[in-house]
Amino acid sequence: MSSAVERLEPGLVRFRLVSPTLAPVNVYAMETGAGWVLFDSGFTYSTDQLCACLAELGVGPAEVAAVFYTHTHEDHMGGGVSLGDAWGCPQYVWEGTRPAFENYYDYYDACESWRVWLGRRMAPSEWMERLRQLSSGRSGKAFRQGGDGLLHGAVGVAFGEAVTVGGRRFRCEDARGHDPFHCVWHDEACDRLVTGDIVLGLPTPLLERIGDNITSYRATLQRWQQAPEPALILPGHGRPSVGLGRALERSLGYLEAGYALTVGFLEAAEPVEPLGAVLESFETLGPAQFQVAFIRLANTMSQLDEMALAGLVEQREDLRWRRTGPLPAYADYLPLVERL
């Protein structure tokens, strides 16, 4: 087996697909009575890696029995779109997943670019140049990588509904917030939970420009705390693990830490310019920290937007932020935003 293919358990394999700009992403292959099924499909531009991994299992895209998607982001659904009609199987998504039933490329082209988002949300400052320096030298890949922009064979599944493939049942469950179309899939026979990006080892990015929502994401984490512990968690990035409760507590802890960081920015000096405040929060800052810095910036803006809806802060005409009143402790803040 190559380094990109890891056998986790009998009939369960992880593909680790790499990117020049984003974190490596996991695609999971599970063996059923009808053949192999996949969970997610990697980047739009990593189909060569995906096909090579499948070849190590002795199958090609046309021989895969089914593909299940946790959410629409390009590192999870993109490969399925760019392979186009190479698939010969149903591709299952939550039934409300708009990009799966429209032209995927056009849908994402209509979303705000990073450059436009930064110009709309950040005050002009010397920190913009620092951000450009951090991102310099990061080779990019074109988003459109083949296919006609359609997810061929897309089938919508309701939350709570199960799909049976080769005698195995995979249940679709609500996990919206990181992506408004996020779900998780429960492999009922083996009690495995394919969780996409809801619980990661690092803070899950919440990108307002493509519809992510911190309030919905927090509600998802809290709701899943009531779920039984699965035997195995299969995340979209990082290592599979056990202990869903611990993973949820960790992710909720990241949200609490993000609130504390944002409150600290606001209490240290006003008005706050978020980009400068975020970049200054790093003890050392170089190109290696670019991705973490961008996640921290995106999540800080999501936090500020939620606080604004709760009436605690406002963004001024010059795009800087100020408090409109006292900022509560996190335990007192949560009841305010649960009503949003």
C-alpha atoms as a PDB file:
ATOM      1  CA  MET A   1       0.000   0.000   0.000  1.00  0.00           C
ATOM      2  CA  SER A   2       1.165   3.538  -0.758  1.00  0.00           C
ATOM      3  CA  SER A   3       1.474   6.177   1.948  1.00  0.00           C
ATOM      4  CA  ALA A   4      -1.817   7.688   0.736  1.00  0.00           C
ATOM      5  CA  VAL A   5      -3.765   4.479   1.489  1.00  0.00           C
ATOM      6  CA  GLU A   6      -4.211   3.187   5.035  1.00  0.00           C
ATOM      7  CA  ARG A   7      -6.175   0.090   6.033  1.00  0.00           C
ATOM      8  CA  LEU A   8      -7.837   1.023   9.321  1.00  0.00           C
ATOM      9  CA  GLU A   9      -9.924  -2.110   9.887  1.00  0.00           C
ATOM     10  CA  PRO A  10     -11.076  -5.002   7.721  1.00  0.00           C
ATOM     11  CA  GLY A  11     -13.179  -3.448   4.989  1.00  0.00           C
ATOM     12  CA  LEU A  12     -12.311   0.135   6.009  1.00  0.00           C
ATOM     13  CA  VAL A  13      -9.631   2.176   4.236  1.00  0.00           C
ATOM     14  CA  ARG A  14      -8.575   5.812   4.513  1.00  0.00           C
ATOM     15  CA  PHE A  15      -7.292   7.735   1.488  1.00  0.00           C
ATOM     16  CA  ARG A  16      -5.228  10.807   2.395  1.00  0.00           C
ATOM     17  CA  LEU A  17      -5.358  13.319  -0.474  1.00  0.00           C
ATOM     18  CA  VAL A  18      -2.959  16.252  -0.378  1.00  0.00           C
ATOM     19  CA  SER A  19      -3.186  19.845  -1.600  1.00  0.00           C
ATOM     20  CA  PRO A  20      -0.594  22.558  -2.251  1.00  0.00           C
ATOM     21  CA  THR A  21      -2.707  25.115  -0.369  1.00  0.00           C
ATOM     22  CA  LEU A  22      -5.137  23.365   1.993  1.00  0.00           C
ATOM     23  CA  ALA A  23      -4.912  20.683   4.666  1.00  0.00           C
ATOM     24  CA  PRO A  24      -4.851  17.046   3.492  1.00  0.00           C
ATOM     25  CA  VAL A  25      -8.365  15.632   3.309  1.00  0.00           C
ATOM     26  CA  ASN A  26      -9.634  12.153   4.110  1.00  0.00           C
ATOM     27  CA  VAL A  27     -11.732  10.007   1.806  1.00  0.00           C
ATOM     28  CA  TYR A  28     -13.006   6.776   3.371  1.00  0.00           C
ATOM     29  CA  ALA A  29     -13.699   3.556   1.484  1.00  0.00           C
ATOM     30  CA  MET A  30     -15.922   0.890   3.057  1.00  0.00           C
ATOM     31  CA  GLU A  31     -16.502  -2.565   1.641  1.00  0.00           C
ATOM     32  CA  THR A  32     -20.112  -3.775   1.307  1.00  0.00           C
ATOM     33  CA  GLY A  33     -21.814  -6.762  -0.275  1.00  0.00           C
ATOM     34  CA  ALA A  34     -22.189  -4.684  -3.442  1.00  0.00           C
ATOM     35  CA  GLY A  35     -18.563  -3.517  -3.519  1.00  0.00           C
ATOM     36  CA  TRP A  36     -16.754  -0.454  -2.185  1.00  0.00           C
ATOM     37  CA  VAL A  37     -18.530   2.752  -1.205  1.00  0.00           C
ATOM     38  CA  LEU A  38     -16.796   6.108  -0.671  1.00  0.00           C
ATOM     39  CA  PHE A  39     -17.367   8.913   1.795  1.00  0.00           C
ATOM     40  CA  ASP A  40     -16.413  12.237   0.209  1.00  0.00           C
ATOM     41  CA  SER A  41     -14.245  12.535  -2.888  1.00  0.00           C
ATOM     42  CA  GLY A  42     -11.448  15.033  -2.259  1.00  0.00           C
ATOM     43  CA  PHE A  43     -10.513  18.250  -4.028  1.00  0.00           C
ATOM     44  CA  THR A  44     -11.630  19.222  -7.510  1.00  0.00           C
ATOM     45  CA  TYR A  45      -7.991  18.830  -8.573  1.00  0.00           C
ATOM     46  CA  SER A  46      -7.018  15.660  -6.656  1.00  0.00           C
ATOM     47  CA  THR A  47      -8.894  13.139  -8.805  1.00  0.00           C
ATOM     48  CA  ASP A  48      -5.604  11.646  -9.994  1.00  0.00           C
ATOM     49  CA  GLN A  49      -4.772  10.849  -6.360  1.00  0.00           C
ATOM     50  CA  LEU A  50      -8.270   9.497  -5.735  1.00  0.00           C
ATOM     51  CA  CYS A  51      -8.165   7.236  -8.790  1.00  0.00           C
ATOM     52  CA  ALA A  52      -4.697   5.960  -7.809  1.00  0.00           C
ATOM     53  CA  CYS A  53      -5.982   5.097  -4.330  1.00  0.00           C
ATOM     54  CA  LEU A  54      -9.004   3.306  -5.772  1.00  0.00           C
ATOM     55  CA  ALA A  55      -6.718   1.379  -8.117  1.00  0.00           C
ATOM     56  CA  GLU A  56      -4.893  -0.016  -5.073  1.00  0.00           C
ATOM     57  CA  LEU A  57      -8.239  -1.538  -4.064  1.00  0.00           C
ATOM     58  CA  GLY A  58      -8.613  -2.899  -7.566  1.00  0.00           C
ATOM     59  CA  VAL A  59     -11.506  -0.647  -8.599  1.00  0.00           C
ATOM     60  CA  GLY A  60     -12.101   2.384 -10.774  1.00  0.00           C
ATOM     61  CA  PRO A  61     -14.629   5.191 -10.302  1.00  0.00           C
ATOM     62  CA  ALA A  62     -17.171   3.422 -12.537  1.00  0.00           C
ATOM     63  CA  GLU A  63     -17.011   0.347 -10.269  1.00  0.00           C
ATOM     64  CA  VAL A  64     -17.686   2.187  -6.970  1.00  0.00           C
ATOM     65  CA  ALA A  65     -21.064   1.102  -5.564  1.00  0.00           C
ATOM     66  CA  ALA A  66     -22.010   4.491  -4.054  1.00  0.00           C
ATOM     67  CA  VAL A  67     -20.554   7.799  -2.898  1.00  0.00           C
ATOM     68  CA  PHE A  68     -21.768   9.600   0.235  1.00  0.00           C
ATOM     69  CA  TYR A  69     -20.981  13.268   0.894  1.00  0.00           C
ATOM     70  CA  THR A  70     -20.717  15.007   4.249  1.00  0.00           C
ATOM     71  CA  HIS A  71     -20.741  18.515   2.763  1.00  0.00           C
ATOM     72  CA  THR A  72     -20.150  20.607  -0.324  1.00  0.00           C
ATOM     73  CA  HIS A  73     -16.751  22.235   0.229  1.00  0.00           C
ATOM     74  CA  GLU A  74     -14.335  21.719  -2.649  1.00  0.00           C
ATOM     75  CA  ASP A  75     -12.056  19.387  -0.680  1.00  0.00           C
ATOM     76  CA  HIS A  76     -14.981  17.038   0.024  1.00  0.00           C
ATOM     77  CA  MET A  77     -17.368  17.156  -2.965  1.00  0.00           C
ATOM     78  CA  GLY A  78     -15.075  18.633  -5.603  1.00  0.00           C
ATOM     79  CA  GLY A  79     -13.611  15.345  -6.824  1.00  0.00           C
ATOM     80  CA  GLY A  80     -17.048  13.930  -7.472  1.00  0.00           C
ATOM     81  CA  VAL A  81     -17.928  16.891  -9.660  1.00  0.00           C
ATOM     82  CA  SER A  82     -14.673  17.072 -11.596  1.00  0.00           C
ATOM     83  CA  LEU A  83     -14.813  13.334 -12.391  1.00  0.00           C
ATOM     84  CA  GLY A  84     -18.180  14.044 -14.013  1.00  0.00           C
ATOM     85  CA  ASP A  85     -19.840  11.030 -15.587  1.00  0.00           C
ATOM     86  CA  ALA A  86     -16.920   8.700 -14.767  1.00  0.00           C
ATOM     87  CA  TRP A  87     -19.005   7.513 -11.821  1.00  0.00           C
ATOM     88  CA  GLY A  88     -21.478   4.728 -12.473  1.00  0.00           C
ATOM     89  CA  CYS A  89     -23.256   4.883  -9.138  1.00  0.00           C
ATOM     90  CA  PRO A  90     -25.638   6.978  -7.032  1.00  0.00           C
ATOM     91  CA  GLN A  91     -24.052   9.851  -5.105  1.00  0.00           C
ATOM     92  CA  TYR A  92     -25.893  10.553  -1.862  1.00  0.00           C
ATOM     93  CA  VAL A  93     -26.259  13.968  -0.214  1.00  0.00           C
ATOM     94  CA  TRP A  94     -28.605  15.592   2.251  1.00  0.00           C
ATOM     95  CA  GLU A  95     -31.722  16.497   0.252  1.00  0.00           C
ATOM     96  CA  GLY A  96     -31.322  20.241   0.956  1.00  0.00           C
ATOM     97  CA  THR A  97     -27.855  20.391  -0.583  1.00  0.00           C
ATOM     98  CA  ARG A  98     -28.216  23.053  -3.290  1.00  0.00           C
ATOM     99  CA  PRO A  99     -24.803  22.751  -5.009  1.00  0.00           C
ATOM    100  CA  ALA A 100     -25.424  19.033  -5.632  1.00  0.00           C
ATOM    101  CA  PHE A 101     -28.568  19.733  -7.647  1.00  0.00           C
ATOM    102  CA  GLU A 102     -27.314  22.828  -9.471  1.00  0.00           C
ATOM    103  CA  ASN A 103     -24.127  23.521 -11.403  1.00  0.00           C
ATOM    104  CA  TYR A 104     -21.521  23.108  -8.677  1.00  0.00           C
ATOM    105  CA  TYR A 105     -18.895  25.255 -10.359  1.00  0.00           C
ATOM    106  CA  ASP A 106     -21.341  28.090 -11.032  1.00  0.00           C
ATOM    107  CA  TYR A 107     -22.640  27.893  -7.456  1.00  0.00           C
ATOM    108  CA  TYR A 108     -19.193  28.412  -5.966  1.00  0.00           C
ATOM    109  CA  ASP A 109     -18.127  30.967  -8.559  1.00  0.00           C
ATOM    110  CA  ALA A 110     -21.124  33.032  -7.388  1.00  0.00           C
ATOM    111  CA  CYS A 111     -19.845  32.964  -3.784  1.00  0.00           C
ATOM    112  CA  GLU A 112     -17.615  35.786  -2.618  1.00  0.00           C
ATOM    113  CA  SER A 113     -13.923  35.368  -3.297  1.00  0.00           C
ATOM    114  CA  TRP A 114     -11.429  35.795  -0.453  1.00  0.00           C
ATOM    115  CA  ARG A 115     -10.206  39.014  -2.032  1.00  0.00           C
ATOM    116  CA  VAL A 116     -13.702  40.529  -2.260  1.00  0.00           C
ATOM    117  CA  TRP A 117     -14.566  39.341   1.258  1.00  0.00           C
ATOM    118  CA  LEU A 118     -11.438  40.921   2.711  1.00  0.00           C
ATOM    119  CA  GLY A 119     -12.131  44.191   0.926  1.00  0.00           C
ATOM    120  CA  ARG A 120     -15.721  44.252   2.153  1.00  0.00           C
ATOM    121  CA  ARG A 121     -15.082  43.287   5.772  1.00  0.00           C
ATOM    122  CA  MET A 122     -11.601  44.637   6.628  1.00  0.00           C
ATOM    123  CA  ALA A 123     -10.445  48.229   6.961  1.00  0.00           C
ATOM    124  CA  PRO A 124      -7.494  49.119   4.694  1.00  0.00           C
ATOM    125  CA  SER A 125      -4.297  48.792   6.691  1.00  0.00           C
ATOM    126  CA  GLU A 126      -0.680  47.714   6.575  1.00  0.00           C
ATOM    127  CA  TRP A 127      -1.869  44.296   7.738  1.00  0.00           C
ATOM    128  CA  MET A 128      -3.257  43.569   4.278  1.00  0.00           C
ATOM    129  CA  GLU A 129       0.287  43.660   2.941  1.00  0.00           C
ATOM    130  CA  ARG A 130       1.425  41.336   5.752  1.00  0.00           C
ATOM    131  CA  LEU A 131      -1.303  38.903   4.791  1.00  0.00           C
ATOM    132  CA  ARG A 132      -0.203  39.010   1.159  1.00  0.00           C
ATOM    133  CA  GLN A 133       3.363  38.297   2.260  1.00  0.00           C
ATOM    134  CA  LEU A 134       2.180  35.294   4.270  1.00  0.00           C
ATOM    135  CA  SER A 135       0.330  33.889   1.280  1.00  0.00           C
ATOM    136  CA  SER A 136       3.107  34.509  -1.251  1.00  0.00           C
ATOM    137  CA  GLY A 137       4.640  31.422  -2.773  1.00  0.00           C
ATOM    138  CA  ARG A 138       1.575  29.266  -2.088  1.00  0.00           C
ATOM    139  CA  SER A 139       0.923  27.601  -5.435  1.00  0.00           C
ATOM    140  CA  GLY A 140      -2.769  27.533  -6.236  1.00  0.00           C
ATOM    141  CA  LYS A 141      -4.853  25.214  -8.360  1.00  0.00           C
ATOM    142  CA  ALA A 142      -7.710  26.188 -10.641  1.00  0.00           C
ATOM    143  CA  PHE A 143     -11.112  25.426  -9.124  1.00  0.00           C
ATOM    144  CA  ARG A 144     -12.648  24.123 -12.355  1.00  0.00           C
ATOM    145  CA  GLN A 145     -10.964  20.814 -13.103  1.00  0.00           C
ATOM    146  CA  GLY A 146     -13.110  19.008 -15.632  1.00  0.00           C
ATOM    147  CA  GLY A 147     -16.614  17.661 -15.740  1.00  0.00           C
ATOM    148  CA  ASP A 148     -19.671  19.694 -16.681  1.00  0.00           C
ATOM    149  CA  GLY A 149     -20.228  21.077 -13.173  1.00  0.00           C
ATOM    150  CA  LEU A 150     -22.921  18.532 -12.322  1.00  0.00           C
ATOM    151  CA  LEU A 151     -22.828  15.853  -9.634  1.00  0.00           C
ATOM    152  CA  HIS A 152     -24.039  12.986 -11.793  1.00  0.00           C
ATOM    153  CA  GLY A 153     -26.409  10.578 -10.090  1.00  0.00           C
ATOM    154  CA  ALA A 154     -27.032  12.859  -7.086  1.00  0.00           C
ATOM    155  CA  VAL A 155     -29.719  11.466  -4.758  1.00  0.00           C
ATOM    156  CA  GLY A 156     -31.204  13.498  -1.913  1.00  0.00           C
ATOM    157  CA  VAL A 157     -31.621  11.857   1.485  1.00  0.00           C
ATOM    158  CA  ALA A 158     -33.642  13.253   4.412  1.00  0.00           C
ATOM    159  CA  PHE A 159     -32.147  13.661   7.869  1.00  0.00           C
ATOM    160  CA  GLY A 160     -32.912  10.461   9.775  1.00  0.00           C
ATOM    161  CA  GLU A 161     -33.258   8.415   6.592  1.00  0.00           C
ATOM    162  CA  ALA A 162     -30.973   5.447   5.917  1.00  0.00           C
ATOM    163  CA  VAL A 163     -29.554   4.271   2.588  1.00  0.00           C
ATOM    164  CA  THR A 164     -28.871   0.557   2.139  1.00  0.00           C
ATOM    165  CA  VAL A 165     -25.986  -0.522  -0.096  1.00  0.00           C
ATOM    166  CA  GLY A 166     -24.909  -4.156  -0.293  1.00  0.00           C
ATOM    167  CA  GLY A 167     -26.747  -5.007   2.908  1.00  0.00           C
ATOM    168  CA  ARG A 168     -25.180  -2.099   4.868  1.00  0.00           C
ATOM    169  CA  ARG A 169     -27.257   0.811   6.191  1.00  0.00           C
ATOM    170  CA  PHE A 170     -25.871   4.349   6.263  1.00  0.00           C
ATOM    171  CA  ARG A 171     -28.014   6.903   8.079  1.00  0.00           C
ATOM    172  CA  CYS A 172     -27.938  10.637   7.268  1.00  0.00           C
ATOM    173  CA  GLU A 173     -27.972  12.949  10.302  1.00  0.00           C
ATOM    174  CA  ASP A 174     -28.120  16.743  10.665  1.00  0.00           C
ATOM    175  CA  ALA A 175     -24.765  18.488  11.236  1.00  0.00           C
ATOM    176  CA  ARG A 176     -25.245  21.935   9.689  1.00  0.00           C
ATOM    177  CA  GLY A 177     -23.134  24.975  10.578  1.00  0.00           C
ATOM    178  CA  HIS A 178     -19.752  24.332   9.020  1.00  0.00           C
ATOM    179  CA  ASP A 179     -21.355  24.480   5.584  1.00  0.00           C
ATOM    180  CA  PRO A 180     -25.124  25.049   5.578  1.00  0.00           C
ATOM    181  CA  PHE A 181     -25.430  21.642   3.861  1.00  0.00           C
ATOM    182  CA  HIS A 182     -23.391  19.519   6.284  1.00  0.00           C
ATOM    183  CA  CYS A 183     -24.505  16.069   7.408  1.00  0.00           C
ATOM    184  CA  VAL A 184     -22.828  13.066   9.020  1.00  0.00           C
ATOM    185  CA  TRP A 185     -23.253   9.444   7.993  1.00  0.00           C
ATOM    186  CA  HIS A 186     -23.702   6.645  10.531  1.00  0.00           C
ATOM    187  CA  ASP A 187     -22.511   3.230   9.414  1.00  0.00           C
ATOM    188  CA  GLU A 188     -25.002   1.320  11.537  1.00  0.00           C
ATOM    189  CA  ALA A 189     -23.510  -2.165  11.129  1.00  0.00           C
ATOM    190  CA  CYS A 190     -20.078  -1.187  12.470  1.00  0.00           C
ATOM    191  CA  ASP A 191     -21.199   1.846  14.499  1.00  0.00           C
ATOM    192  CA  ARG A 192     -18.838   4.234  12.723  1.00  0.00           C
ATOM    193  CA  LEU A 193     -19.621   7.923  12.322  1.00  0.00           C
ATOM    194  CA  VAL A 194     -18.258   9.774   9.272  1.00  0.00           C
ATOM    195  CA  THR A 195     -18.190  13.291  10.696  1.00  0.00           C
ATOM    196  CA  GLY A 196     -16.785  15.477   7.920  1.00  0.00           C
ATOM    197  CA  ASP A 197     -15.551  18.712   9.491  1.00  0.00           C
ATOM    198  CA  ILE A 198     -17.752  19.102  12.570  1.00  0.00           C
ATOM    199  CA  VAL A 199     -15.107  17.816  15.022  1.00  0.00           C
ATOM    200  CA  LEU A 200     -11.490  18.349  14.085  1.00  0.00           C
ATOM    201  CA  GLY A 201      -8.256  18.434  16.046  1.00  0.00           C
ATOM    202  CA  LEU A 202      -7.967  22.155  15.278  1.00  0.00           C
ATOM    203  CA  PRO A 203     -10.782  24.735  15.232  1.00  0.00           C
ATOM    204  CA  THR A 204     -13.241  24.045  12.432  1.00  0.00           C
ATOM    205  CA  PRO A 205     -13.189  27.016  10.019  1.00  0.00           C
ATOM    206  CA  LEU A 206     -16.420  29.007   9.762  1.00  0.00           C
ATOM    207  CA  LEU A 207     -16.402  30.923   6.485  1.00  0.00           C
ATOM    208  CA  GLU A 208     -19.113  33.542   6.222  1.00  0.00           C
ATOM    209  CA  ARG A 209     -18.419  34.088   2.530  1.00  0.00           C
ATOM    210  CA  ILE A 210     -19.752  30.594   1.698  1.00  0.00           C
ATOM    211  CA  GLY A 211     -22.563  30.473   4.214  1.00  0.00           C
ATOM    212  CA  ASP A 212     -21.024  28.826   7.292  1.00  0.00           C
ATOM    213  CA  ASN A 213     -22.761  29.874  10.506  1.00  0.00           C
ATOM    214  CA  ILE A 214     -21.320  29.840  14.013  1.00  0.00           C
ATOM    215  CA  THR A 215     -24.708  29.720  15.747  1.00  0.00           C
ATOM    216  CA  SER A 216     -25.847  26.675  13.763  1.00  0.00           C
ATOM    217  CA  TYR A 217     -22.462  25.030  14.219  1.00  0.00           C
ATOM    218  CA  ARG A 218     -22.560  25.446  18.002  1.00  0.00           C
ATOM    219  CA  ALA A 219     -26.111  24.071  18.084  1.00  0.00           C
ATOM    220  CA  THR A 220     -24.941  21.016  16.114  1.00  0.00           C
ATOM    221  CA  LEU A 221     -22.132  20.330  18.590  1.00  0.00           C
ATOM    222  CA  GLN A 222     -24.517  20.679  21.538  1.00  0.00           C
ATOM    223  CA  ARG A 223     -27.135  18.445  19.919  1.00  0.00           C
ATOM    224  CA  TRP A 224     -24.595  15.727  19.178  1.00  0.00           C
ATOM    225  CA  GLN A 225     -23.601  15.685  22.840  1.00  0.00           C
ATOM    226  CA  GLN A 226     -26.865  13.832  23.428  1.00  0.00           C
ATOM    227  CA  ALA A 227     -26.010  11.108  20.887  1.00  0.00           C
ATOM    228  CA  PRO A 228     -24.659   7.678  21.878  1.00  0.00           C
ATOM    229  CA  GLU A 229     -20.915   7.187  21.570  1.00  0.00           C
ATOM    230  CA  PRO A 230     -20.011   5.497  18.250  1.00  0.00           C
ATOM    231  CA  ALA A 231     -17.284   2.888  18.093  1.00  0.00           C
ATOM    232  CA  LEU A 232     -15.176   5.027  15.742  1.00  0.00           C
ATOM    233  CA  ILE A 233     -15.131   8.640  14.510  1.00  0.00           C
ATOM    234  CA  LEU A 234     -13.974   9.202  10.930  1.00  0.00           C
ATOM    235  CA  PRO A 235     -13.210  12.941  10.524  1.00  0.00           C
ATOM    236  CA  GLY A 236     -12.648  14.811   7.290  1.00  0.00           C
ATOM    237  CA  HIS A 237      -9.131  15.845   8.333  1.00  0.00           C
ATOM    238  CA  GLY A 238      -6.729  14.207  10.749  1.00  0.00           C
ATOM    239  CA  ARG A 239      -6.686  10.767  12.331  1.00  0.00           C
ATOM    240  CA  PRO A 240      -9.737   8.591  13.038  1.00  0.00           C
ATOM    241  CA  SER A 241     -10.399   8.335  16.760  1.00  0.00           C
ATOM    242  CA  VAL A 242     -12.711   7.168  19.508  1.00  0.00           C
ATOM    243  CA  GLY A 243     -14.528   9.345  22.032  1.00  0.00           C
ATOM    244  CA  LEU A 244     -17.108  11.524  20.300  1.00  0.00           C
ATOM    245  CA  GLY A 245     -17.957  13.215  23.608  1.00  0.00           C
ATOM    246  CA  ARG A 246     -14.357  14.335  24.100  1.00  0.00           C
ATOM    247  CA  ALA A 247     -14.134  15.548  20.501  1.00  0.00           C
ATOM    248  CA  LEU A 248     -17.329  17.586  20.897  1.00  0.00           C
ATOM    249  CA  GLU A 249     -16.067  19.122  24.150  1.00  0.00           C
ATOM    250  CA  ARG A 250     -12.813  20.040  22.405  1.00  0.00           C
ATOM    251  CA  SER A 251     -14.658  21.711  19.520  1.00  0.00           C
ATOM    252  CA  LEU A 252     -16.983  23.554  21.913  1.00  0.00           C
ATOM    253  CA  GLY A 253     -13.876  24.607  23.826  1.00  0.00           C
ATOM    254  CA  TYR A 254     -12.437  26.107  20.640  1.00  0.00           C
ATOM    255  CA  LEU A 255     -15.605  28.197  20.283  1.00  0.00           C
ATOM    256  CA  GLU A 256     -15.346  29.388  23.877  1.00  0.00           C
ATOM    257  CA  ALA A 257     -11.668  30.240  23.363  1.00  0.00           C
ATOM    258  CA  GLY A 258     -12.609  32.153  20.199  1.00  0.00           C
ATOM    259  CA  TYR A 259     -15.143  34.190  22.153  1.00  0.00           C
ATOM    260  CA  ALA A 260     -12.537  34.953  24.834  1.00  0.00           C
ATOM    261  CA  LEU A 261     -10.029  35.995  22.149  1.00  0.00           C
ATOM    262  CA  THR A 262     -12.581  38.309  20.525  1.00  0.00           C
ATOM    263  CA  VAL A 263     -13.566  39.845  23.864  1.00  0.00           C
ATOM    264  CA  GLY A 264      -9.872  40.366  24.572  1.00  0.00           C
ATOM    265  CA  PHE A 265      -9.442  42.243  21.289  1.00  0.00           C
ATOM    266  CA  LEU A 266     -12.393  44.493  22.108  1.00  0.00           C
ATOM    267  CA  GLU A 267     -11.333  45.186  25.684  1.00  0.00           C
ATOM    268  CA  ALA A 268      -7.693  45.845  24.820  1.00  0.00           C
ATOM    269  CA  ALA A 269      -8.427  48.766  22.529  1.00  0.00           C
ATOM    270  CA  GLU A 270     -11.277  50.216  20.557  1.00  0.00           C
ATOM    271  CA  PRO A 271     -12.094  50.470  17.755  1.00  0.00           C
ATOM    272  CA  VAL A 272     -10.769  47.055  16.721  1.00  0.00           C
ATOM    273  CA  GLU A 273      -9.383  46.249  13.272  1.00  0.00           C
ATOM    274  CA  PRO A 274      -9.815  42.440  13.232  1.00  0.00           C
ATOM    275  CA  LEU A 275      -7.095  41.549  10.726  1.00  0.00           C
ATOM    276  CA  GLY A 276      -4.426  43.409  12.668  1.00  0.00           C
ATOM    277  CA  ALA A 277      -5.690  42.086  16.002  1.00  0.00           C
ATOM    278  CA  VAL A 278      -5.644  38.489  14.747  1.00  0.00           C
ATOM    279  CA  LEU A 279      -2.183  38.679  13.173  1.00  0.00           C
ATOM    280  CA  GLU A 280      -0.762  40.387  16.244  1.00  0.00           C
ATOM    281  CA  SER A 281      -2.085  37.517  18.405  1.00  0.00           C
ATOM    282  CA  PHE A 282       0.621  35.192  17.022  1.00  0.00           C
ATOM    283  CA  GLU A 283       3.932  35.090  18.870  1.00  0.00           C
ATOM    284  CA  THR A 284       5.648  34.247  15.585  1.00  0.00           C
ATOM    285  CA  LEU A 285       4.062  34.653  12.191  1.00  0.00           C
ATOM    286  CA  GLY A 286       5.403  33.247   8.953  1.00  0.00           C
ATOM    287  CA  PRO A 287       4.082  31.421   5.897  1.00  0.00           C
ATOM    288  CA  ALA A 288       3.697  28.202   7.918  1.00  0.00           C
ATOM    289  CA  GLN A 289       1.063  29.922  10.068  1.00  0.00           C
ATOM    290  CA  PHE A 290      -0.943  31.247   7.118  1.00  0.00           C
ATOM    291  CA  GLN A 291      -3.717  28.653   7.224  1.00  0.00           C
ATOM    292  CA  VAL A 292      -4.144  28.877  11.008  1.00  0.00           C
ATOM    293  CA  ALA A 293      -4.184  32.686  10.780  1.00  0.00           C
ATOM    294  CA  PHE A 294      -6.846  32.643   8.107  1.00  0.00           C
ATOM    295  CA  ILE A 295      -9.025  30.241  10.111  1.00  0.00           C
ATOM    296  CA  ARG A 296      -8.621  32.443  13.179  1.00  0.00           C
ATOM    297  CA  LEU A 297      -9.569  35.507  11.156  1.00  0.00           C
ATOM    298  CA  ALA A 298     -12.633  33.842   9.597  1.00  0.00           C
ATOM    299  CA  ASN A 299     -13.803  32.528  12.971  1.00  0.00           C
ATOM    300  CA  THR A 300     -13.221  35.880  14.675  1.00  0.00           C
ATOM    301  CA  MET A 301     -15.411  37.546  12.067  1.00  0.00           C
ATOM    302  CA  SER A 302     -18.095  34.883  12.529  1.00  0.00           C
ATOM    303  CA  GLN A 303     -17.930  35.518  16.271  1.00  0.00           C
ATOM    304  CA  LEU A 304     -18.202  39.280  15.824  1.00  0.00           C
ATOM    305  CA  ASP A 305     -21.178  38.885  13.478  1.00  0.00           C
ATOM    306  CA  GLU A 306     -22.961  36.718  16.049  1.00  0.00           C
ATOM    307  CA  MET A 307     -22.189  39.226  18.821  1.00  0.00           C
ATOM    308  CA  ALA A 308     -23.588  41.983  16.610  1.00  0.00           C
ATOM    309  CA  LEU A 309     -26.849  40.047  16.172  1.00  0.00           C
ATOM    310  CA  ALA A 310     -26.995  39.769  19.977  1.00  0.00           C
ATOM    311  CA  GLY A 311     -26.630  43.575  20.212  1.00  0.00           C
ATOM    312  CA  LEU A 312     -23.229  43.523  21.929  1.00  0.00           C
ATOM    313  CA  VAL A 313     -21.010  45.037  19.240  1.00  0.00           C
ATOM    314  CA  GLU A 314     -21.271  46.926  15.983  1.00  0.00           C
ATOM    315  CA  GLN A 315     -19.129  47.450  12.928  1.00  0.00           C
ATOM    316  CA  ARG A 316     -18.536  51.114  12.165  1.00  0.00           C
ATOM    317  CA  GLU A 317     -18.568  52.691   8.743  1.00  0.00           C
ATOM    318  CA  ASP A 318     -14.767  52.508   8.690  1.00  0.00           C
ATOM    319  CA  LEU A 319     -15.125  48.689   9.153  1.00  0.00           C
ATOM    320  CA  ARG A 320     -13.633  48.728  12.638  1.00  0.00           C
ATOM    321  CA  TRP A 321     -15.560  47.267  15.584  1.00  0.00           C
ATOM    322  CA  ARG A 322     -16.630  48.635  18.958  1.00  0.00           C
ATOM    323  CA  ARG A 323     -18.660  47.454  21.925  1.00  0.00           C
ATOM    324  CA  THR A 324     -22.190  48.735  22.414  1.00  0.00           C
ATOM    325  CA  GLY A 325     -22.322  47.606  26.035  1.00  0.00           C
ATOM    326  CA  PRO A 326     -20.707  45.265  28.572  1.00  0.00           C
ATOM    327  CA  LEU A 327     -19.569  41.931  27.221  1.00  0.00           C
ATOM    328  CA  PRO A 328     -20.915  39.013  29.272  1.00  0.00           C
ATOM    329  CA  ALA A 329     -19.073  35.958  30.461  1.00  0.00           C
ATOM    330  CA  TYR A 330     -19.398  33.064  28.032  1.00  0.00           C
ATOM    331  CA  ALA A 331     -21.907  31.212  30.245  1.00  0.00           C
ATOM    332  CA  ASP A 332     -24.165  34.278  30.115  1.00  0.00           C
ATOM    333  CA  TYR A 333     -23.509  34.844  26.415  1.00  0.00           C
ATOM    334  CA  LEU A 334     -24.790  31.415  25.308  1.00  0.00           C
ATOM    335  CA  PRO A 335     -28.442  32.000  26.328  1.00  0.00           C
ATOM    336  CA  LEU A 336     -28.409  35.240  24.323  1.00  0.00           C
ATOM    337  CA  VAL A 337     -27.372  33.574  21.082  1.00  0.00           C
ATOM    338  CA  GLU A 338     -29.504  30.444  21.508  1.00  0.00           C
ATOM    339  CA  ARG A 339     -32.476  32.689  20.701  1.00  0.00           C
ATOM    340  CA  LEU A 340     -30.973  34.024  17.455  1.00  0.00           C
END
